[in-house]
Each structure stands twice: as C-alpha cells, then as structure tokens.
Amino acid sequence: MNRIELATLIFEKLHEQKETLKSQFQNSDSSIGNFFLDDVLPTEMAIEIMEAFPKPEAMVLKKSLREDKYVAAQMNLYHPLLEEIIYAFQDKRVVEVIGEICAIKNPIPDENLYAGGISMMGNNQFLNPHLDNSHDKDRHLWRVLNLLYYVTPNWKEEYGGNLELWPNGLKEKPLTIHSKFNRLVVMETHSNSLHSVSPVAFDGYRRCVSNYYFSESPLLESDRFHVTSFRGRPEHKFSDVVLQLDTLLRMTLRKIFKKGVKENPHVYKKDNPNQ
C-alpha cells in the first residue's frame, strides 16, 4: 500500500474514534496531554510494516549515558513501505484530525524527519527521561506533538520499552503507556513534557515509527528554547548530575551557535526535496 491508502485507513480510524480520543486527551491523568489508539491498521498490514524493518546493523546505534537505541531517518536506504507509513502520518487529513483531537491549530508535519523516522530497542536498551528539543531543525517552528506507532506483535508490558511520562518530575512514579502492537500514541511536547522509554527486559526488539508535528506557536506561554535535555532515572543519581551538566554545556553552546556546532545528522536528506 502507498502512503495515501495507508493514510486513508489511519484517518478513518481516528475520525471514527475522534470524540473518545478528545476526551482521553483532555482527561489525561497528567499535565502532559496524550491519547492512544489501538488497532490502527489491519493486523496483516501492521505485521508487514514490522517485517520491513531493517536489521539493527543497518541502522544507526545511538549509545551513550543519555540513550541506547537504533534509529534511522534516511528512509530511501530501506524497504519502501517504511517511508510510506511514516509519511502516511503526515497526510493532511491525518494531521488535521489529530490537531482537532489535541486542540492544536494548524499543526505542521516534519518532512525532514528531524529526530523522527524509525527506531528499535533491544535487550537492556533505553531512553532516559528527557525533554525533546523545543524546535525544528532550522529553529523556526515549535515542536508540539510526538507521534509513536508501535509495530512489534505480542509485545507485553513486562518486556519494557514502554513510554513513560513524568508530569510530576522524577520524584513521583511515571505514567506508563504500553508500547502495544498496532498502537498509536500521541503526546504533547513542551517545557514540562518529561518522558522516557523504560529499559527493555526481553530478548527481542521493540519497533516504532516516529513523527513530530510543529507549530508557529508553543503550547505553553512559558515555553522557551531548549536543546534535548536529559536526566538520569531516579535510581541513577550520579548519571542525573552528569546529564544535567551535559545539558547546561550544550545550552551554553547554542547561545553562541544558534544552529549548533554541527548539523544534526538525524534528518532525511532527499535527492528530490518534493519527494
């Protein structure tokens, strides 16, 4: 299926559940607005997407104190279905209905896949608590929504690799959203949207299709520019101190170099920009 056909299925599912998802978003047990939608695509199609994922060695390993995961954004290197499903979530109909659900006017999808694309996490891999970078790659638009579509069949919550929201900071327990097969999770991103992915505790890979939406205005009046800002998990006190110092250093550099010391490589560099 191409992106238009996939987008039609996604839109119909979102539209059918729109009022329920609105209530879910508005009544989130968190100051981080969110909703999730199950059975987004026919099961067979979701399995096809999972099977199209590359092997880990064909992706980029991001491994540091901040995170440990495999990512990819240069989608023309991989199975065409992966590019089609990513951009299906950028279809105008899908973007508009998600904007309605989240009460965000004119959300703007990111064709450059800045920090988007696909990701995989295997045993012991993780993503520490963090705030996403506040802007797009050119620092013109505000990042407002994070879309995560999970495609690993039979992924149990106890396997880890689940989205964690920390609305009350690291002193309180997070809200855990299971990275269930064929589930779409949408969450707000702003200066208080601390989130993480729990360490994987299973000999297998949790696969995810990621997108971000942007806006000309931030979600919160208090929002200010910030780099991706990591913290250590509550049980890792030393890591937390190191990561806060790391964020301070990178913020200082961004005050001097507005677009960073070097270009972030995690973007989709297309031969044809209109592709």
C-alpha atoms as a PDB file:
ATOM      1  CA  MET A   1       0.000   0.000   0.000  1.00  0.00           C
ATOM      2  CA  ASN A   2       1.148   3.570  -0.626  1.00  0.00           C
ATOM      3  CA  ARG A   3       1.049   6.465   1.828  1.00  0.00           C
ATOM      4  CA  ILE A   4      -2.304   7.747   0.583  1.00  0.00           C
ATOM      5  CA  GLU A   5      -4.002   4.373   1.084  1.00  0.00           C
ATOM      6  CA  LEU A   6      -2.383   3.946   4.488  1.00  0.00           C
ATOM      7  CA  ALA A   7      -3.360   7.489   5.472  1.00  0.00           C
ATOM      8  CA  THR A   8      -6.969   6.801   4.488  1.00  0.00           C
ATOM      9  CA  LEU A   9      -7.108   3.835   6.877  1.00  0.00           C
ATOM     10  CA  ILE A  10      -5.442   5.818   9.678  1.00  0.00           C
ATOM     11  CA  PHE A  11      -7.707   8.832   9.152  1.00  0.00           C
ATOM     12  CA  GLU A  12     -10.864   6.707   9.144  1.00  0.00           C
ATOM     13  CA  LYS A  13      -9.844   5.058  12.417  1.00  0.00           C
ATOM     14  CA  LEU A  14      -9.007   8.395  14.049  1.00  0.00           C
ATOM     15  CA  HIS A  15     -12.173  10.045  12.759  1.00  0.00           C
ATOM     16  CA  GLU A  16     -14.325   7.153  13.964  1.00  0.00           C
ATOM     17  CA  GLN A  17     -12.886   7.470  17.481  1.00  0.00           C
ATOM     18  CA  LYS A  18     -12.405  11.247  17.449  1.00  0.00           C
ATOM     19  CA  GLU A  19     -14.727  12.173  20.310  1.00  0.00           C
ATOM     20  CA  THR A  20     -13.450   9.367  22.532  1.00  0.00           C
ATOM     21  CA  LEU A  21      -9.847  10.370  21.818  1.00  0.00           C
ATOM     22  CA  LYS A  22     -10.659  14.016  22.551  1.00  0.00           C
ATOM     23  CA  SER A  23     -11.966  13.022  25.970  1.00  0.00           C
ATOM     24  CA  GLN A  24      -8.964  10.798  26.561  1.00  0.00           C
ATOM     25  CA  PHE A  25      -6.615  13.658  25.700  1.00  0.00           C
ATOM     26  CA  GLN A  26      -8.468  16.220  27.801  1.00  0.00           C
ATOM     27  CA  ASN A  27      -8.736  13.881  30.778  1.00  0.00           C
ATOM     28  CA  SER A  28      -5.153  12.615  30.710  1.00  0.00           C
ATOM     29  CA  ASP A  29      -4.029  11.774  34.243  1.00  0.00           C
ATOM     30  CA  SER A  30      -1.097  14.041  33.593  1.00  0.00           C
ATOM     31  CA  SER A  31      -0.142  17.598  32.715  1.00  0.00           C
ATOM     32  CA  ILE A  32       1.262  16.035  29.557  1.00  0.00           C
ATOM     33  CA  GLY A  33      -1.710  15.694  27.234  1.00  0.00           C
ATOM     34  CA  ASN A  34      -1.826  12.331  25.491  1.00  0.00           C
ATOM     35  CA  PHE A  35      -4.022   9.720  23.850  1.00  0.00           C
ATOM     36  CA  PHE A  36      -3.547   6.281  22.360  1.00  0.00           C
ATOM     37  CA  LEU A  37      -5.436   4.448  19.637  1.00  0.00           C
ATOM     38  CA  ASP A  38      -5.298   0.662  19.222  1.00  0.00           C
ATOM     39  CA  ASP A  39      -5.702  -1.443  16.084  1.00  0.00           C
ATOM     40  CA  VAL A  40      -4.692   1.496  13.899  1.00  0.00           C
ATOM     41  CA  LEU A  41      -4.241  -0.641  10.769  1.00  0.00           C
ATOM     42  CA  PRO A  42      -5.387  -4.126   9.753  1.00  0.00           C
ATOM     43  CA  THR A  43      -3.252  -6.645  11.633  1.00  0.00           C
ATOM     44  CA  GLU A  44      -1.720  -8.092   8.467  1.00  0.00           C
ATOM     45  CA  MET A  45      -0.581  -4.646   7.339  1.00  0.00           C
ATOM     46  CA  ALA A  46       0.953  -3.802  10.725  1.00  0.00           C
ATOM     47  CA  ILE A  47       2.879  -7.105  10.597  1.00  0.00           C
ATOM     48  CA  GLU A  48       4.119  -6.243   7.086  1.00  0.00           C
ATOM     49  CA  ILE A  49       5.455  -2.948   8.427  1.00  0.00           C
ATOM     50  CA  MET A  50       7.238  -4.753  11.250  1.00  0.00           C
ATOM     51  CA  GLU A  51       8.756  -7.256   8.821  1.00  0.00           C
ATOM     52  CA  ALA A  52      10.019  -4.389   6.628  1.00  0.00           C
ATOM     53  CA  PHE A  53      12.239  -3.051   9.438  1.00  0.00           C
ATOM     54  CA  PRO A  54      15.963  -3.429   8.732  1.00  0.00           C
ATOM     55  CA  LYS A  55      18.334  -5.456  10.871  1.00  0.00           C
ATOM     56  CA  PRO A  56      19.981  -3.488  13.703  1.00  0.00           C
ATOM     57  CA  GLU A  57      23.367  -3.375  11.947  1.00  0.00           C
ATOM     58  CA  ALA A  58      21.767  -1.495   9.037  1.00  0.00           C
ATOM     59  CA  MET A  59      20.626   1.298  11.385  1.00  0.00           C
ATOM     60  CA  VAL A  60      22.473   3.924  13.425  1.00  0.00           C
ATOM     61  CA  LEU A  61      23.280   2.944  17.001  1.00  0.00           C
ATOM     62  CA  LYS A  62      22.912   5.849  19.432  1.00  0.00           C
ATOM     63  CA  LYS A  63      24.622   4.683  22.599  1.00  0.00           C
ATOM     64  CA  SER A  64      25.554   6.988  25.465  1.00  0.00           C
ATOM     65  CA  LEU A  65      24.595   7.844  29.009  1.00  0.00           C
ATOM     66  CA  ARG A  66      21.538   9.558  27.525  1.00  0.00           C
ATOM     67  CA  GLU A  67      20.168   6.690  25.443  1.00  0.00           C
ATOM     68  CA  ASP A  68      20.818   3.334  23.849  1.00  0.00           C
ATOM     69  CA  LYS A  69      18.764   2.580  20.737  1.00  0.00           C
ATOM     70  CA  TYR A  70      18.876   2.041  16.966  1.00  0.00           C
ATOM     71  CA  VAL A  71      17.473   4.783  14.736  1.00  0.00           C
ATOM     72  CA  ALA A  72      17.128   5.626  11.043  1.00  0.00           C
ATOM     73  CA  ALA A  73      15.870   8.635   9.098  1.00  0.00           C
ATOM     74  CA  GLN A  74      17.463   8.208   5.638  1.00  0.00           C
ATOM     75  CA  MET A  75      14.451   6.237   4.515  1.00  0.00           C
ATOM     76  CA  ASN A  76      15.448   5.655   0.859  1.00  0.00           C
ATOM     77  CA  LEU A  77      18.000   3.141   2.181  1.00  0.00           C
ATOM     78  CA  TYR A  78      15.277   0.842   3.479  1.00  0.00           C
ATOM     79  CA  HIS A  79      12.131  -1.003   2.434  1.00  0.00           C
ATOM     80  CA  PRO A  80       9.754   1.462   0.688  1.00  0.00           C
ATOM     81  CA  LEU A  81       6.872   0.524   2.976  1.00  0.00           C
ATOM     82  CA  LEU A  82       8.646   2.179   5.905  1.00  0.00           C
ATOM     83  CA  GLU A  83       8.782   5.534   4.141  1.00  0.00           C
ATOM     84  CA  GLU A  84       5.143   5.163   3.125  1.00  0.00           C
ATOM     85  CA  ILE A  85       3.912   4.552   6.680  1.00  0.00           C
ATOM     86  CA  ILE A  86       5.981   7.431   8.095  1.00  0.00           C
ATOM     87  CA  TYR A  87       4.575   9.907   5.588  1.00  0.00           C
ATOM     88  CA  ALA A  88       1.054   8.495   5.916  1.00  0.00           C
ATOM     89  CA  PHE A  89       1.042  10.168   9.336  1.00  0.00           C
ATOM     90  CA  GLN A  90       1.900  13.430   7.566  1.00  0.00           C
ATOM     91  CA  ASP A  91      -1.117  13.259   5.239  1.00  0.00           C
ATOM     92  CA  LYS A  92      -3.192  16.440   5.525  1.00  0.00           C
ATOM     93  CA  ARG A  93      -6.294  14.539   6.683  1.00  0.00           C
ATOM     94  CA  VAL A  94      -4.413  12.733   9.444  1.00  0.00           C
ATOM     95  CA  VAL A  95      -2.632  15.889  10.596  1.00  0.00           C
ATOM     96  CA  GLU A  96      -5.871  17.864  10.726  1.00  0.00           C
ATOM     97  CA  VAL A  97      -7.861  15.287  12.689  1.00  0.00           C
ATOM     98  CA  ILE A  98      -5.043  14.846  15.230  1.00  0.00           C
ATOM     99  CA  GLY A  99      -4.903  18.637  15.537  1.00  0.00           C
ATOM    100  CA  GLU A 100      -8.639  18.653  16.276  1.00  0.00           C
ATOM    101  CA  ILE A 101      -8.295  15.903  18.873  1.00  0.00           C
ATOM    102  CA  CYS A 102      -5.461  17.757  20.626  1.00  0.00           C
ATOM    103  CA  ALA A 103      -6.970  21.243  20.151  1.00  0.00           C
ATOM    104  CA  ILE A 104      -3.895  22.466  18.266  1.00  0.00           C
ATOM    105  CA  LYS A 105      -4.481  24.846  15.373  1.00  0.00           C
ATOM    106  CA  ASN A 106      -2.663  24.146  12.121  1.00  0.00           C
ATOM    107  CA  PRO A 107      -0.085  21.575  13.234  1.00  0.00           C
ATOM    108  CA  ILE A 108       2.745  21.172  10.735  1.00  0.00           C
ATOM    109  CA  PRO A 109       4.287  17.748   9.978  1.00  0.00           C
ATOM    110  CA  ASP A 110       8.047  17.419   9.579  1.00  0.00           C
ATOM    111  CA  GLU A 111       9.021  16.211   6.119  1.00  0.00           C
ATOM    112  CA  ASN A 112      12.696  16.329   7.161  1.00  0.00           C
ATOM    113  CA  LEU A 113      12.131  13.696   9.883  1.00  0.00           C
ATOM    114  CA  TYR A 114      14.254  15.697  12.316  1.00  0.00           C
ATOM    115  CA  ALA A 115      14.660  13.108  15.121  1.00  0.00           C
ATOM    116  CA  GLY A 116      11.810  11.139  13.524  1.00  0.00           C
ATOM    117  CA  GLY A 117      11.804   8.050  11.305  1.00  0.00           C
ATOM    118  CA  ILE A 118      12.100   4.554  12.744  1.00  0.00           C
ATOM    119  CA  SER A 119      13.680   3.150  15.891  1.00  0.00           C
ATOM    120  CA  MET A 120      14.367  -0.201  17.508  1.00  0.00           C
ATOM    121  CA  MET A 121      15.304  -1.102  21.072  1.00  0.00           C
ATOM    122  CA  GLY A 122      16.568  -4.498  22.189  1.00  0.00           C
ATOM    123  CA  ASN A 123      17.523  -6.096  25.484  1.00  0.00           C
ATOM    124  CA  ASN A 124      18.887  -3.577  28.039  1.00  0.00           C
ATOM    125  CA  GLN A 125      18.453  -0.618  25.678  1.00  0.00           C
ATOM    126  CA  PHE A 126      16.701   2.502  26.981  1.00  0.00           C
ATOM    127  CA  LEU A 127      15.909   6.176  26.581  1.00  0.00           C
ATOM    128  CA  ASN A 128      16.470   8.232  29.726  1.00  0.00           C
ATOM    129  CA  PRO A 129      13.972  10.883  30.940  1.00  0.00           C
ATOM    130  CA  HIS A 130      14.248  13.960  28.728  1.00  0.00           C
ATOM    131  CA  LEU A 131      12.585  16.970  27.162  1.00  0.00           C
ATOM    132  CA  ASP A 132      12.566  16.950  23.373  1.00  0.00           C
ATOM    133  CA  ASN A 133      14.325  19.768  21.552  1.00  0.00           C
ATOM    134  CA  SER A 134      11.845  22.651  21.551  1.00  0.00           C
ATOM    135  CA  HIS A 135      12.170  23.480  17.833  1.00  0.00           C
ATOM    136  CA  ASP A 136      12.551  22.106  14.324  1.00  0.00           C
ATOM    137  CA  LYS A 137      15.978  21.738  12.695  1.00  0.00           C
ATOM    138  CA  ASP A 138      16.002  25.356  11.464  1.00  0.00           C
ATOM    139  CA  ARG A 139      14.715  26.706  14.780  1.00  0.00           C
ATOM    140  CA  HIS A 140      11.739  28.356  13.097  1.00  0.00           C
ATOM    141  CA  LEU A 141       8.856  26.248  14.446  1.00  0.00           C
ATOM    142  CA  TRP A 142       7.921  24.899  17.879  1.00  0.00           C
ATOM    143  CA  ARG A 143       7.714  21.131  18.437  1.00  0.00           C
ATOM    144  CA  VAL A 144       4.225  20.395  19.801  1.00  0.00           C
ATOM    145  CA  LEU A 145       3.312  16.727  19.261  1.00  0.00           C
ATOM    146  CA  ASN A 146       5.158  13.418  19.316  1.00  0.00           C
ATOM    147  CA  LEU A 147       3.563  10.501  17.406  1.00  0.00           C
ATOM    148  CA  LEU A 148       4.706   6.957  18.169  1.00  0.00           C
ATOM    149  CA  TYR A 149       3.334   3.969  16.252  1.00  0.00           C
ATOM    150  CA  TYR A 150       4.380   0.575  17.659  1.00  0.00           C
ATOM    151  CA  VAL A 151       4.552  -2.477  15.407  1.00  0.00           C
ATOM    152  CA  THR A 152       6.035  -5.422  17.339  1.00  0.00           C
ATOM    153  CA  PRO A 153       3.458  -8.249  17.670  1.00  0.00           C
ATOM    154  CA  ASN A 154       2.856  -9.787  21.095  1.00  0.00           C
ATOM    155  CA  TRP A 155       4.945  -7.153  22.900  1.00  0.00           C
ATOM    156  CA  LYS A 156       3.997  -7.486  26.561  1.00  0.00           C
ATOM    157  CA  GLU A 157       4.157  -4.594  29.009  1.00  0.00           C
ATOM    158  CA  GLU A 158       6.580  -6.514  31.233  1.00  0.00           C
ATOM    159  CA  TYR A 159       9.071  -6.625  28.344  1.00  0.00           C
ATOM    160  CA  GLY A 160       9.847  -2.932  28.962  1.00  0.00           C
ATOM    161  CA  GLY A 161      10.444  -0.486  26.140  1.00  0.00           C
ATOM    162  CA  ASN A 162       7.297   1.378  27.205  1.00  0.00           C
ATOM    163  CA  LEU A 163       6.673   5.113  27.044  1.00  0.00           C
ATOM    164  CA  GLU A 164       6.907   6.785  30.463  1.00  0.00           C
ATOM    165  CA  LEU A 165       5.512  10.252  31.234  1.00  0.00           C
ATOM    166  CA  TRP A 166       6.829  12.161  34.266  1.00  0.00           C
ATOM    167  CA  PRO A 167       4.314  15.030  34.751  1.00  0.00           C
ATOM    168  CA  ASN A 168       5.316  15.499  38.399  1.00  0.00           C
ATOM    169  CA  GLY A 169       9.043  15.161  37.878  1.00  0.00           C
ATOM    170  CA  LEU A 170      11.387  12.353  38.842  1.00  0.00           C
ATOM    171  CA  LYS A 171      10.297  12.259  42.490  1.00  0.00           C
ATOM    172  CA  GLU A 172       6.962  10.719  41.560  1.00  0.00           C
ATOM    173  CA  LYS A 173       6.247   7.482  39.698  1.00  0.00           C
ATOM    174  CA  PRO A 174       5.771   7.902  35.950  1.00  0.00           C
ATOM    175  CA  LEU A 175       2.642   7.155  33.960  1.00  0.00           C
ATOM    176  CA  THR A 176       3.455   4.119  31.788  1.00  0.00           C
ATOM    177  CA  ILE A 177       1.894   3.660  28.348  1.00  0.00           C
ATOM    178  CA  HIS A 178       2.390   0.148  26.987  1.00  0.00           C
ATOM    179  CA  SER A 179       4.105   0.036  23.587  1.00  0.00           C
ATOM    180  CA  LYS A 180       1.456  -2.395  22.419  1.00  0.00           C
ATOM    181  CA  PHE A 181       1.408  -3.793  18.889  1.00  0.00           C
ATOM    182  CA  ASN A 182      -0.506  -1.681  16.350  1.00  0.00           C
ATOM    183  CA  ARG A 183      -0.962   1.167  18.860  1.00  0.00           C
ATOM    184  CA  LEU A 184      -0.531   4.870  18.080  1.00  0.00           C
ATOM    185  CA  VAL A 185       0.426   7.119  20.995  1.00  0.00           C
ATOM    186  CA  VAL A 186       0.280  10.905  20.646  1.00  0.00           C
ATOM    187  CA  MET A 187       1.704  13.162  23.365  1.00  0.00           C
ATOM    188  CA  GLU A 188       2.311  16.880  23.815  1.00  0.00           C
ATOM    189  CA  THR A 189       5.857  18.179  23.783  1.00  0.00           C
ATOM    190  CA  HIS A 190       6.637  21.331  25.736  1.00  0.00           C
ATOM    191  CA  SER A 191       8.946  22.525  28.507  1.00  0.00           C
ATOM    192  CA  ASN A 192       7.267  20.245  31.080  1.00  0.00           C
ATOM    193  CA  SER A 193       6.787  17.096  28.988  1.00  0.00           C
ATOM    194  CA  LEU A 194       9.478  14.962  30.611  1.00  0.00           C
ATOM    195  CA  HIS A 195       9.298  11.448  29.180  1.00  0.00           C
ATOM    196  CA  SER A 196      11.390   8.320  28.704  1.00  0.00           C
ATOM    197  CA  VAL A 197      11.381   4.734  27.457  1.00  0.00           C
ATOM    198  CA  SER A 198      11.832   2.057  30.116  1.00  0.00           C
ATOM    199  CA  PRO A 199      14.767  -0.347  29.692  1.00  0.00           C
ATOM    200  CA  VAL A 200      13.938  -3.371  27.559  1.00  0.00           C
ATOM    201  CA  ALA A 201      14.000  -6.602  29.562  1.00  0.00           C
ATOM    202  CA  PHE A 202      13.407  -9.091  26.751  1.00  0.00           C
ATOM    203  CA  ASP A 203      15.472 -10.828  24.086  1.00  0.00           C
ATOM    204  CA  GLY A 204      13.755  -9.157  21.148  1.00  0.00           C
ATOM    205  CA  TYR A 205      13.240  -5.752  19.518  1.00  0.00           C
ATOM    206  CA  ARG A 206      10.552  -3.183  20.120  1.00  0.00           C
ATOM    207  CA  ARG A 207       9.958  -1.394  16.795  1.00  0.00           C
ATOM    208  CA  CYS A 208       8.493   2.085  16.447  1.00  0.00           C
ATOM    209  CA  VAL A 209       7.572   4.536  13.670  1.00  0.00           C
ATOM    210  CA  SER A 210       8.047   8.137  14.843  1.00  0.00           C
ATOM    211  CA  ASN A 211       6.807  11.526  13.706  1.00  0.00           C
ATOM    212  CA  TYR A 212       6.737  15.042  15.143  1.00  0.00           C
ATOM    213  CA  TYR A 213       4.320  17.863  14.452  1.00  0.00           C
ATOM    214  CA  PHE A 214       5.328  21.514  14.811  1.00  0.00           C
ATOM    215  CA  SER A 215       3.544  24.844  15.145  1.00  0.00           C
ATOM    216  CA  GLU A 216       4.254  28.537  14.757  1.00  0.00           C
ATOM    217  CA  SER A 217       3.409  28.958  18.448  1.00  0.00           C
ATOM    218  CA  PRO A 218       4.468  26.980  21.544  1.00  0.00           C
ATOM    219  CA  LEU A 219       1.929  25.034  23.589  1.00  0.00           C
ATOM    220  CA  LEU A 220       2.745  26.897  26.805  1.00  0.00           C
ATOM    221  CA  GLU A 221       3.289  30.621  27.225  1.00  0.00           C
ATOM    222  CA  SER A 222       6.204  29.757  29.490  1.00  0.00           C
ATOM    223  CA  ASP A 223       7.967  27.685  26.811  1.00  0.00           C
ATOM    224  CA  ARG A 224      11.467  28.815  25.895  1.00  0.00           C
ATOM    225  CA  PHE A 225      14.045  27.431  23.502  1.00  0.00           C
ATOM    226  CA  HIS A 226      15.907  24.396  24.832  1.00  0.00           C
ATOM    227  CA  VAL A 227      18.041  21.603  23.476  1.00  0.00           C
ATOM    228  CA  THR A 228      17.092  17.984  24.077  1.00  0.00           C
ATOM    229  CA  SER A 229      17.560  17.861  27.832  1.00  0.00           C
ATOM    230  CA  PHE A 230      18.273  14.537  29.547  1.00  0.00           C
ATOM    231  CA  ARG A 231      18.024  13.431  33.170  1.00  0.00           C
ATOM    232  CA  GLY A 232      19.053  10.236  34.905  1.00  0.00           C
ATOM    233  CA  ARG A 233      16.420   7.818  36.164  1.00  0.00           C
ATOM    234  CA  PRO A 234      15.570   8.314  39.874  1.00  0.00           C
ATOM    235  CA  GLU A 235      17.726   5.354  40.887  1.00  0.00           C
ATOM    236  CA  HIS A 236      20.740   6.739  38.976  1.00  0.00           C
ATOM    237  CA  LYS A 237      21.737   9.827  40.982  1.00  0.00           C
ATOM    238  CA  PHE A 238      25.245  10.203  39.574  1.00  0.00           C
ATOM    239  CA  SER A 239      24.047   9.897  35.972  1.00  0.00           C
ATOM    240  CA  ASP A 240      21.446  12.565  36.680  1.00  0.00           C
ATOM    241  CA  VAL A 241      24.128  15.057  37.781  1.00  0.00           C
ATOM    242  CA  VAL A 242      26.291  14.290  34.736  1.00  0.00           C
ATOM    243  CA  LEU A 243      23.369  14.628  32.332  1.00  0.00           C
ATOM    244  CA  GLN A 244      22.257  17.949  33.816  1.00  0.00           C
ATOM    245  CA  LEU A 245      25.795  19.295  33.349  1.00  0.00           C
ATOM    246  CA  ASP A 246      25.767  17.951  29.788  1.00  0.00           C
ATOM    247  CA  THR A 247      22.534  19.859  29.071  1.00  0.00           C
ATOM    248  CA  LEU A 248      23.943  23.052  30.584  1.00  0.00           C
ATOM    249  CA  LEU A 249      27.028  22.806  28.368  1.00  0.00           C
ATOM    250  CA  ARG A 250      25.001  22.207  25.211  1.00  0.00           C
ATOM    251  CA  MET A 251      22.613  25.066  26.029  1.00  0.00           C
ATOM    252  CA  THR A 252      25.607  27.381  26.508  1.00  0.00           C
ATOM    253  CA  LEU A 253      26.977  26.375  23.105  1.00  0.00           C
ATOM    254  CA  ARG A 254      23.590  27.003  21.459  1.00  0.00           C
ATOM    255  CA  LYS A 255      23.553  30.541  22.815  1.00  0.00           C
ATOM    256  CA  ILE A 256      26.767  31.101  20.883  1.00  0.00           C
ATOM    257  CA  PHE A 257      25.979  28.933  17.829  1.00  0.00           C
ATOM    258  CA  LYS A 258      22.253  29.298  17.164  1.00  0.00           C
ATOM    259  CA  LYS A 259      22.017  26.184  14.962  1.00  0.00           C
ATOM    260  CA  GLY A 260      24.584  24.175  16.870  1.00  0.00           C
ATOM    261  CA  VAL A 261      28.263  23.462  16.397  1.00  0.00           C
ATOM    262  CA  LYS A 262      27.489  20.855  13.739  1.00  0.00           C
ATOM    263  CA  GLU A 263      24.423  19.820  11.776  1.00  0.00           C
ATOM    264  CA  ASN A 264      22.297  17.120  13.373  1.00  0.00           C
ATOM    265  CA  PRO A 265      22.689  14.075  11.076  1.00  0.00           C
ATOM    266  CA  HIS A 266      19.291  12.662  12.063  1.00  0.00           C
ATOM    267  CA  VAL A 267      17.326  14.086   9.133  1.00  0.00           C
ATOM    268  CA  TYR A 268      16.105  12.713   5.818  1.00  0.00           C
ATOM    269  CA  LYS A 269      18.322  14.172   3.095  1.00  0.00           C
ATOM    270  CA  LYS A 270      16.337  13.749  -0.105  1.00  0.00           C
ATOM    271  CA  ASP A 271      17.694  13.985  -3.626  1.00  0.00           C
ATOM    272  CA  ASN A 272      14.287  15.338  -4.587  1.00  0.00           C
ATOM    273  CA  PRO A 273      13.041  17.757  -1.870  1.00  0.00           C
ATOM    274  CA  ASN A 274       9.457  17.374  -3.160  1.00  0.00           C
ATOM    275  CA  GLN A 275       9.519  13.598  -2.797  1.00  0.00           C
END
